[in-house]
N, C-alpha and C. Protein backbone atom coordinates (compact mmCIF):
# COMPACT_ATOMS: atom_id res chain seq x y z
N MET A 1 129.76 129.21 103.84
CA MET A 1 128.70 129.09 104.83
C MET A 1 128.00 127.73 104.67
N ASN A 2 127.81 127.02 105.75
CA ASN A 2 127.16 125.71 105.72
C ASN A 2 125.65 125.88 105.61
N ARG A 3 125.04 125.08 104.73
CA ARG A 3 123.60 125.15 104.54
C ARG A 3 123.01 123.77 104.80
N VAL A 4 122.05 123.70 105.72
CA VAL A 4 121.37 122.44 106.02
C VAL A 4 120.44 122.12 104.85
N LEU A 5 120.51 120.89 104.35
CA LEU A 5 119.64 120.46 103.25
C LEU A 5 118.24 120.21 103.79
N ASP A 6 117.25 120.76 103.11
CA ASP A 6 115.87 120.67 103.58
C ASP A 6 115.00 119.87 102.61
N GLU A 7 113.72 119.86 102.88
CA GLU A 7 112.77 119.09 102.09
C GLU A 7 112.84 119.45 100.60
N LYS A 8 113.06 120.70 100.29
CA LYS A 8 113.14 121.14 98.89
C LYS A 8 114.27 120.41 98.15
N PHE A 9 115.41 120.23 98.81
CA PHE A 9 116.54 119.52 98.20
C PHE A 9 116.14 118.08 97.85
N PHE A 10 115.39 117.43 98.74
CA PHE A 10 115.05 116.01 98.55
C PHE A 10 113.81 115.80 97.68
N ASN A 11 113.01 116.83 97.48
CA ASN A 11 111.79 116.72 96.68
C ASN A 11 112.12 116.93 95.20
N ARG A 12 112.97 116.06 94.68
CA ARG A 12 113.43 116.11 93.29
C ARG A 12 113.65 114.70 92.79
N ASP A 13 114.02 114.60 91.54
CA ASP A 13 114.35 113.32 90.92
C ASP A 13 115.35 112.57 91.80
N THR A 14 115.08 111.31 92.06
CA THR A 14 115.90 110.51 92.98
C THR A 14 117.34 110.37 92.50
N LYS A 15 117.53 110.14 91.22
CA LYS A 15 118.91 110.02 90.69
C LYS A 15 119.67 111.33 90.87
N ALA A 16 119.01 112.45 90.65
CA ALA A 16 119.66 113.75 90.84
C ALA A 16 120.05 113.95 92.30
N VAL A 17 119.16 113.59 93.21
CA VAL A 17 119.47 113.72 94.64
C VAL A 17 120.65 112.83 95.00
N ALA A 18 120.65 111.59 94.50
CA ALA A 18 121.74 110.65 94.80
C ALA A 18 123.09 111.22 94.34
N LYS A 19 123.12 111.79 93.16
CA LYS A 19 124.37 112.39 92.64
C LYS A 19 124.73 113.64 93.44
N ASP A 20 123.73 114.47 93.72
CA ASP A 20 123.98 115.74 94.41
C ASP A 20 124.37 115.58 95.87
N LEU A 21 124.09 114.42 96.47
CA LEU A 21 124.53 114.18 97.84
C LEU A 21 126.03 113.93 97.93
N LEU A 22 126.64 113.55 96.81
CA LEU A 22 128.10 113.35 96.81
C LEU A 22 128.77 114.70 97.07
N GLY A 23 129.69 114.71 98.03
CA GLY A 23 130.36 115.95 98.41
C GLY A 23 129.65 116.72 99.50
N LYS A 24 128.43 116.30 99.83
CA LYS A 24 127.71 116.90 100.96
C LYS A 24 128.15 116.17 102.23
N PHE A 25 127.77 116.71 103.38
CA PHE A 25 128.21 116.13 104.64
C PHE A 25 127.04 115.55 105.42
N LEU A 26 127.26 114.37 105.96
CA LEU A 26 126.33 113.76 106.90
C LEU A 26 126.80 114.19 108.29
N ILE A 27 125.88 114.71 109.08
CA ILE A 27 126.20 115.26 110.41
C ILE A 27 125.34 114.55 111.45
N ARG A 28 125.96 114.19 112.58
CA ARG A 28 125.22 113.54 113.67
C ARG A 28 125.65 114.15 114.98
N LYS A 29 124.68 114.60 115.75
CA LYS A 29 124.97 115.11 117.09
C LYS A 29 124.70 114.00 118.09
N ILE A 30 125.73 113.68 118.86
CA ILE A 30 125.63 112.63 119.88
C ILE A 30 126.03 113.29 121.20
N GLY A 31 125.03 113.59 122.03
CA GLY A 31 125.30 114.34 123.26
C GLY A 31 125.83 115.72 122.92
N ASN A 32 127.01 116.05 123.42
CA ASN A 32 127.64 117.34 123.11
C ASN A 32 128.62 117.26 121.95
N LYS A 33 128.75 116.09 121.39
CA LYS A 33 129.73 115.85 120.33
C LYS A 33 129.03 115.87 118.96
N VAL A 34 129.70 116.45 117.96
CA VAL A 34 129.19 116.45 116.59
C VAL A 34 130.16 115.65 115.73
N VAL A 35 129.63 114.64 115.05
CA VAL A 35 130.41 113.78 114.16
C VAL A 35 129.96 114.08 112.74
N PHE A 36 130.92 114.17 111.80
CA PHE A 36 130.55 114.46 110.42
C PHE A 36 131.55 113.82 109.46
N ALA A 37 131.08 113.59 108.24
CA ALA A 37 131.94 113.06 107.18
C ALA A 37 131.30 113.38 105.83
N MET A 38 132.14 113.53 104.82
CA MET A 38 131.66 113.81 103.48
C MET A 38 131.16 112.53 102.81
N ILE A 39 130.02 112.63 102.15
CA ILE A 39 129.41 111.49 101.45
C ILE A 39 130.16 111.21 100.16
N THR A 40 130.51 109.94 99.94
CA THR A 40 131.28 109.54 98.76
C THR A 40 130.59 108.48 97.90
N GLU A 41 129.49 107.91 98.40
CA GLU A 41 128.81 106.86 97.63
C GLU A 41 127.33 106.78 98.01
N THR A 42 126.48 106.69 96.97
CA THR A 42 125.03 106.59 97.17
C THR A 42 124.44 105.62 96.16
N GLU A 43 123.20 105.21 96.43
CA GLU A 43 122.42 104.41 95.47
C GLU A 43 121.00 104.94 95.44
N ALA A 44 120.41 104.97 94.25
CA ALA A 44 119.04 105.44 94.07
C ALA A 44 118.08 104.26 93.95
N TYR A 45 116.94 104.37 94.62
CA TYR A 45 115.85 103.40 94.55
C TYR A 45 114.60 104.20 94.22
N ASP A 46 114.04 103.96 93.02
CA ASP A 46 113.11 104.93 92.45
C ASP A 46 111.78 104.35 92.00
N GLY A 47 110.81 104.32 92.89
CA GLY A 47 109.45 104.04 92.50
C GLY A 47 109.01 102.59 92.53
N LEU A 48 107.73 102.41 92.23
CA LEU A 48 107.09 101.09 92.28
C LEU A 48 107.59 100.13 91.20
N LEU A 49 108.13 100.63 90.11
CA LEU A 49 108.60 99.76 89.04
C LEU A 49 110.02 99.26 89.26
N ASP A 50 110.76 99.89 90.17
CA ASP A 50 112.14 99.51 90.47
C ASP A 50 112.13 98.21 91.27
N LYS A 51 112.47 97.11 90.61
CA LYS A 51 112.40 95.79 91.25
C LYS A 51 113.42 95.61 92.38
N ALA A 52 114.39 96.50 92.49
CA ALA A 52 115.35 96.43 93.59
C ALA A 52 114.89 97.23 94.80
N SER A 53 113.85 98.02 94.64
CA SER A 53 113.34 98.86 95.72
C SER A 53 112.43 98.06 96.64
N HIS A 54 112.48 98.38 97.92
CA HIS A 54 111.56 97.74 98.87
C HIS A 54 110.12 98.09 98.54
N ALA A 55 109.89 99.20 97.87
CA ALA A 55 108.54 99.63 97.53
C ALA A 55 107.95 98.87 96.35
N TYR A 56 108.75 98.08 95.67
CA TYR A 56 108.30 97.36 94.48
C TYR A 56 107.08 96.47 94.77
N LYS A 57 107.04 95.89 95.95
CA LYS A 57 105.93 94.99 96.31
C LYS A 57 104.77 95.74 96.96
N GLY A 58 104.85 97.06 96.94
CA GLY A 58 103.76 97.86 97.48
C GLY A 58 104.03 98.39 98.87
N ARG A 59 103.07 99.09 99.36
CA ARG A 59 103.16 99.73 100.67
C ARG A 59 102.99 98.68 101.78
N THR A 60 103.92 98.68 102.71
CA THR A 60 103.86 97.81 103.89
C THR A 60 104.18 98.67 105.11
N GLU A 61 104.06 98.07 106.26
CA GLU A 61 104.42 98.82 107.48
C GLU A 61 105.88 99.28 107.39
N ARG A 62 106.75 98.41 106.88
CA ARG A 62 108.17 98.73 106.76
C ARG A 62 108.42 99.87 105.77
N THR A 63 107.75 99.82 104.61
CA THR A 63 108.03 100.79 103.55
C THR A 63 107.16 102.04 103.60
N ASN A 64 106.26 102.12 104.53
CA ASN A 64 105.34 103.25 104.61
C ASN A 64 106.05 104.61 104.53
N VAL A 65 107.19 104.73 105.20
CA VAL A 65 107.94 105.99 105.19
C VAL A 65 108.37 106.38 103.78
N MET A 66 108.64 105.41 102.91
CA MET A 66 109.06 105.72 101.53
C MET A 66 107.94 106.41 100.75
N PHE A 67 106.70 106.21 101.16
CA PHE A 67 105.55 106.82 100.49
C PHE A 67 105.22 108.19 101.10
N GLY A 68 106.00 108.58 102.11
CA GLY A 68 105.73 109.83 102.82
C GLY A 68 106.43 111.03 102.21
N HIS A 69 106.65 112.01 103.05
CA HIS A 69 107.25 113.27 102.61
C HIS A 69 108.74 113.12 102.32
N PRO A 70 109.25 113.88 101.35
CA PRO A 70 110.70 113.86 101.10
C PRO A 70 111.44 114.48 102.28
N GLY A 71 112.69 114.03 102.47
CA GLY A 71 113.49 114.58 103.56
C GLY A 71 113.27 113.89 104.89
N TYR A 72 112.80 112.64 104.85
CA TYR A 72 112.65 111.82 106.04
C TYR A 72 113.56 110.60 105.90
N PHE A 73 113.99 110.07 107.04
CA PHE A 73 114.87 108.90 107.01
C PHE A 73 114.08 107.60 106.91
N TYR A 74 114.60 106.69 106.11
CA TYR A 74 114.11 105.33 106.02
C TYR A 74 115.25 104.44 106.50
N ILE A 75 115.10 103.87 107.68
CA ILE A 75 116.14 103.05 108.31
C ILE A 75 115.61 101.64 108.47
N TYR A 76 116.40 100.66 108.07
CA TYR A 76 115.99 99.27 108.26
C TYR A 76 117.22 98.43 108.58
N LEU A 77 116.98 97.27 109.13
CA LEU A 77 118.02 96.35 109.55
C LEU A 77 118.16 95.24 108.52
N VAL A 78 119.41 94.94 108.13
CA VAL A 78 119.66 93.81 107.23
C VAL A 78 120.55 92.80 107.94
N TYR A 79 120.35 91.55 107.60
CA TYR A 79 121.11 90.44 108.19
C TYR A 79 121.08 90.44 109.71
N GLY A 80 120.09 91.12 110.29
CA GLY A 80 119.96 91.14 111.74
C GLY A 80 121.05 91.92 112.45
N MET A 81 121.90 92.66 111.69
CA MET A 81 122.99 93.36 112.36
C MET A 81 123.42 94.69 111.77
N TYR A 82 123.00 95.04 110.57
CA TYR A 82 123.43 96.30 109.95
C TYR A 82 122.22 97.18 109.65
N TYR A 83 122.26 98.40 110.16
CA TYR A 83 121.22 99.36 109.80
C TYR A 83 121.63 100.05 108.50
N MET A 84 120.65 100.31 107.66
CA MET A 84 120.86 101.00 106.40
C MET A 84 120.22 102.37 106.49
N LEU A 85 120.96 103.41 106.12
CA LEU A 85 120.49 104.79 106.17
C LEU A 85 120.06 105.23 104.78
N ASN A 86 118.77 105.53 104.64
CA ASN A 86 118.20 106.04 103.40
C ASN A 86 117.50 107.34 103.70
N VAL A 87 117.39 108.19 102.69
CA VAL A 87 116.61 109.42 102.81
C VAL A 87 115.57 109.42 101.69
N VAL A 88 114.33 109.70 102.06
CA VAL A 88 113.20 109.68 101.13
C VAL A 88 113.29 110.87 100.18
N THR A 89 113.00 110.61 98.91
CA THR A 89 113.01 111.65 97.88
C THR A 89 111.65 111.72 97.19
N ARG A 90 111.53 112.69 96.31
CA ARG A 90 110.34 112.89 95.48
C ARG A 90 109.12 113.31 96.30
N GLU A 91 108.01 113.42 95.62
CA GLU A 91 106.78 113.90 96.26
C GLU A 91 106.12 112.78 97.08
N LYS A 92 105.26 113.21 98.00
CA LYS A 92 104.52 112.26 98.83
C LYS A 92 103.73 111.31 97.95
N GLU A 93 103.68 110.06 98.34
CA GLU A 93 103.01 108.95 97.66
C GLU A 93 103.82 108.35 96.52
N TYR A 94 104.98 108.93 96.18
CA TYR A 94 105.88 108.33 95.19
C TYR A 94 107.03 107.72 95.98
N PRO A 95 107.11 106.39 96.09
CA PRO A 95 108.10 105.76 96.96
C PRO A 95 109.50 105.73 96.34
N ALA A 96 110.38 106.54 96.87
CA ALA A 96 111.75 106.59 96.38
C ALA A 96 112.67 107.02 97.52
N ALA A 97 113.92 106.57 97.45
CA ALA A 97 114.87 106.91 98.50
C ALA A 97 116.30 106.74 97.97
N VAL A 98 117.22 107.36 98.68
CA VAL A 98 118.64 107.24 98.38
C VAL A 98 119.32 106.59 99.57
N LEU A 99 120.06 105.52 99.30
CA LEU A 99 120.86 104.83 100.31
C LEU A 99 122.22 105.51 100.40
N ILE A 100 122.65 105.82 101.61
CA ILE A 100 124.00 106.35 101.82
C ILE A 100 124.92 105.14 101.99
N ARG A 101 125.73 104.88 100.96
CA ARG A 101 126.60 103.70 100.96
C ARG A 101 127.98 103.96 101.53
N GLY A 102 128.44 105.21 101.47
CA GLY A 102 129.79 105.47 101.95
C GLY A 102 130.05 106.93 102.24
N VAL A 103 130.97 107.15 103.18
CA VAL A 103 131.49 108.47 103.50
C VAL A 103 133.01 108.33 103.55
N ILE A 104 133.71 109.46 103.56
CA ILE A 104 135.17 109.39 103.64
C ILE A 104 135.57 108.57 104.86
N SER A 105 136.44 107.61 104.65
CA SER A 105 137.00 106.71 105.67
C SER A 105 136.05 105.60 106.13
N HIS A 106 134.84 105.54 105.60
CA HIS A 106 133.91 104.48 105.99
C HIS A 106 133.13 104.02 104.77
N ASP A 107 133.63 102.98 104.11
CA ASP A 107 132.98 102.43 102.92
C ASP A 107 132.05 101.30 103.32
N GLY A 108 130.83 101.38 102.85
CA GLY A 108 129.83 100.37 103.16
C GLY A 108 128.77 100.94 104.06
N PRO A 109 127.50 100.69 103.73
CA PRO A 109 126.42 101.31 104.49
C PRO A 109 126.36 100.88 105.96
N GLY A 110 126.73 99.66 106.27
CA GLY A 110 126.75 99.21 107.66
C GLY A 110 127.83 99.92 108.47
N LYS A 111 128.97 100.17 107.84
CA LYS A 111 130.06 100.90 108.52
C LYS A 111 129.67 102.35 108.76
N VAL A 112 128.93 102.92 107.82
CA VAL A 112 128.47 104.31 107.97
C VAL A 112 127.57 104.42 109.19
N THR A 113 126.57 103.54 109.29
CA THR A 113 125.63 103.65 110.41
C THR A 113 126.30 103.32 111.75
N ARG A 114 127.26 102.43 111.74
CA ARG A 114 127.98 102.14 112.99
C ARG A 114 128.81 103.34 113.43
N PHE A 115 129.52 103.95 112.48
CA PHE A 115 130.35 105.12 112.80
C PHE A 115 129.50 106.25 113.37
N PHE A 116 128.33 106.50 112.78
CA PHE A 116 127.46 107.59 113.20
C PHE A 116 126.48 107.18 114.31
N LYS A 117 126.53 105.91 114.72
CA LYS A 117 125.61 105.41 115.76
C LYS A 117 124.15 105.67 115.37
N ILE A 118 123.82 105.22 114.16
CA ILE A 118 122.47 105.40 113.61
C ILE A 118 121.73 104.08 113.75
N GLY A 119 120.56 104.13 114.36
CA GLY A 119 119.71 102.96 114.51
C GLY A 119 118.29 103.25 114.10
N LYS A 120 117.44 102.30 114.38
CA LYS A 120 116.03 102.35 113.99
C LYS A 120 115.30 103.57 114.56
N VAL A 121 115.82 104.16 115.63
CA VAL A 121 115.18 105.32 116.26
C VAL A 121 115.02 106.48 115.27
N PHE A 122 115.84 106.52 114.23
CA PHE A 122 115.75 107.60 113.25
C PHE A 122 114.75 107.32 112.13
N ASN A 123 114.22 106.10 112.07
CA ASN A 123 113.27 105.77 111.02
C ASN A 123 112.05 106.69 111.09
N ASP A 124 111.68 107.24 109.96
CA ASP A 124 110.53 108.14 109.82
C ASP A 124 110.70 109.45 110.57
N LYS A 125 111.95 109.84 110.82
CA LYS A 125 112.25 111.14 111.44
C LYS A 125 112.70 112.09 110.34
N LYS A 126 112.38 113.35 110.51
CA LYS A 126 112.74 114.38 109.54
C LYS A 126 114.24 114.65 109.58
N VAL A 127 114.83 114.85 108.42
CA VAL A 127 116.23 115.25 108.31
C VAL A 127 116.31 116.67 108.85
N SER A 128 116.93 116.83 110.03
CA SER A 128 117.02 118.18 110.62
C SER A 128 117.96 118.15 111.82
N LYS A 129 118.43 119.31 112.18
CA LYS A 129 119.28 119.43 113.37
C LYS A 129 118.51 118.99 114.62
N GLU A 130 117.19 119.24 114.62
CA GLU A 130 116.38 118.90 115.78
C GLU A 130 116.38 117.40 116.07
N THR A 131 116.47 116.57 115.04
CA THR A 131 116.51 115.12 115.27
C THR A 131 117.91 114.63 115.60
N GLY A 132 118.91 115.49 115.37
CA GLY A 132 120.30 115.10 115.65
C GLY A 132 120.99 114.42 114.48
N LEU A 133 120.34 114.38 113.32
CA LEU A 133 120.93 113.76 112.13
C LEU A 133 120.48 114.57 110.92
N TRP A 134 121.46 115.09 110.17
CA TRP A 134 121.12 115.94 109.03
C TRP A 134 122.24 115.95 108.00
N PHE A 135 121.98 116.62 106.89
CA PHE A 135 122.95 116.77 105.80
C PHE A 135 123.24 118.25 105.62
N GLU A 136 124.50 118.57 105.29
CA GLU A 136 124.87 119.95 105.02
C GLU A 136 125.63 120.06 103.70
N ASP A 137 125.40 121.19 103.03
CA ASP A 137 126.19 121.61 101.89
C ASP A 137 127.24 122.54 102.46
N ARG A 138 128.50 122.16 102.35
CA ARG A 138 129.59 122.98 102.89
C ARG A 138 130.39 123.63 101.77
N GLY A 139 129.77 123.74 100.59
CA GLY A 139 130.38 124.48 99.50
C GLY A 139 131.34 123.71 98.61
N ILE A 140 131.46 122.42 98.81
CA ILE A 140 132.33 121.62 97.94
C ILE A 140 131.60 121.37 96.62
N ILE A 141 132.27 121.66 95.54
CA ILE A 141 131.67 121.49 94.21
C ILE A 141 132.24 120.23 93.58
N ILE A 142 131.33 119.38 93.12
CA ILE A 142 131.72 118.12 92.48
C ILE A 142 131.34 118.22 91.00
N SER A 143 132.29 118.03 90.14
CA SER A 143 132.01 118.00 88.70
C SER A 143 131.27 116.71 88.39
N LYS A 144 130.18 116.80 87.63
CA LYS A 144 129.39 115.61 87.28
C LYS A 144 130.23 114.58 86.54
N LYS A 145 131.24 115.04 85.79
CA LYS A 145 132.08 114.10 85.05
C LYS A 145 133.04 113.32 85.97
N LYS A 146 133.13 113.71 87.23
CA LYS A 146 133.98 113.02 88.20
C LYS A 146 133.21 111.95 88.99
N ILE A 147 131.92 111.81 88.68
CA ILE A 147 131.08 110.83 89.38
C ILE A 147 131.04 109.55 88.56
N LYS A 148 131.42 108.46 89.19
CA LYS A 148 131.39 107.14 88.54
C LYS A 148 130.01 106.53 88.77
N LYS A 149 129.41 105.98 87.71
CA LYS A 149 128.10 105.32 87.82
C LYS A 149 128.30 103.82 87.59
N THR A 150 127.73 103.01 88.48
CA THR A 150 127.82 101.56 88.37
C THR A 150 126.47 100.95 88.76
N PRO A 151 126.31 99.65 88.48
CA PRO A 151 125.11 98.97 88.99
C PRO A 151 125.14 98.96 90.53
N ARG A 152 123.95 98.88 91.11
CA ARG A 152 123.84 98.81 92.58
C ARG A 152 124.39 97.48 93.07
N ILE A 153 124.68 97.44 94.36
CA ILE A 153 125.29 96.27 94.97
C ILE A 153 124.23 95.40 95.65
N GLY A 154 124.34 94.09 95.49
CA GLY A 154 123.49 93.16 96.22
C GLY A 154 122.03 93.14 95.80
N VAL A 155 121.74 93.44 94.54
CA VAL A 155 120.35 93.46 94.09
C VAL A 155 120.10 92.49 92.93
N SER A 156 120.83 91.41 92.88
CA SER A 156 120.65 90.43 91.80
C SER A 156 119.23 89.87 91.77
N TYR A 157 118.55 89.85 92.92
CA TYR A 157 117.16 89.39 92.99
C TYR A 157 116.23 90.22 92.11
N ALA A 158 116.64 91.41 91.71
CA ALA A 158 115.80 92.31 90.91
C ALA A 158 115.79 91.94 89.42
N GLY A 159 116.53 90.90 89.05
CA GLY A 159 116.55 90.47 87.66
C GLY A 159 117.60 91.20 86.85
N PRO A 160 117.84 90.70 85.62
CA PRO A 160 118.93 91.24 84.81
C PRO A 160 118.80 92.72 84.43
N VAL A 161 117.60 93.21 84.24
CA VAL A 161 117.44 94.60 83.84
C VAL A 161 117.68 95.53 85.02
N TRP A 162 116.94 95.33 86.11
CA TRP A 162 117.02 96.25 87.25
C TRP A 162 118.31 96.11 88.04
N SER A 163 118.89 94.92 88.07
CA SER A 163 120.14 94.76 88.82
C SER A 163 121.32 95.41 88.09
N GLN A 164 121.19 95.63 86.80
CA GLN A 164 122.29 96.22 86.03
C GLN A 164 122.15 97.73 85.78
N LYS A 165 121.04 98.31 86.19
CA LYS A 165 120.87 99.76 86.01
C LYS A 165 121.95 100.49 86.81
N LYS A 166 122.54 101.48 86.21
CA LYS A 166 123.62 102.22 86.86
C LYS A 166 123.05 103.31 87.76
N LEU A 167 122.65 102.88 88.95
CA LEU A 167 122.03 103.77 89.92
C LEU A 167 122.86 103.88 91.20
N ARG A 168 124.12 103.47 91.11
CA ARG A 168 125.07 103.64 92.20
C ARG A 168 126.04 104.73 91.76
N PHE A 169 126.27 105.70 92.65
CA PHE A 169 127.09 106.86 92.30
C PHE A 169 128.25 106.97 93.28
N ILE A 170 129.46 107.07 92.74
CA ILE A 170 130.66 107.03 93.57
C ILE A 170 131.56 108.23 93.26
N LEU A 171 132.01 108.87 94.30
CA LEU A 171 133.02 109.92 94.19
C LEU A 171 134.32 109.28 94.69
N GLU A 172 135.22 109.01 93.77
CA GLU A 172 136.46 108.36 94.16
C GLU A 172 137.47 109.38 94.66
N PRO A 173 138.41 108.96 95.52
CA PRO A 173 139.42 109.89 96.03
C PRO A 173 140.11 110.62 94.87
N GLY A 174 140.36 111.88 95.06
CA GLY A 174 141.02 112.69 94.03
C GLY A 174 140.06 113.30 93.04
N ASN A 175 138.77 113.04 93.18
CA ASN A 175 137.80 113.57 92.22
C ASN A 175 137.09 114.84 92.68
N LEU A 176 137.68 115.53 93.64
CA LEU A 176 137.12 116.82 94.05
C LEU A 176 137.77 117.93 93.22
N ILE A 177 136.99 119.00 93.00
CA ILE A 177 137.61 120.18 92.38
C ILE A 177 137.58 121.32 93.37
């Protein structure tokens, strides 16, 4: 039985949410069509001390959603052409989020948002069927030992300590049980 992930799922440790999203499904309703794919790669951005996080420099109009309720989308544009899909984690006022970096057949966060036709309209919207974009647990079990941990991508600006933290989580093909 498919279970829609709710605020309770996201109101937890950001690294745990990032790992637990592997094997879950991202679902998007576009008109009468439903598009879905299993999540295979995520990155955690956790709090004001995380120099790679947008929240590191404090609350801004852009990052305000990260300080809000868990289970809301944080969408932003990079390089003027790629939207990045993040979901807010932890309790309100603690700025943290998980970036969806890949799904089966679409590696890279820009490819994910293009495939699902995700844009800024989803920013600060609740993860739910009502918004047309949500996550489901479809019963696939991922062994924690099958998850590869690596440093995040493209965060060298965060310095040697934060850029090397292993906060990127990857489920490689063949690692399902």
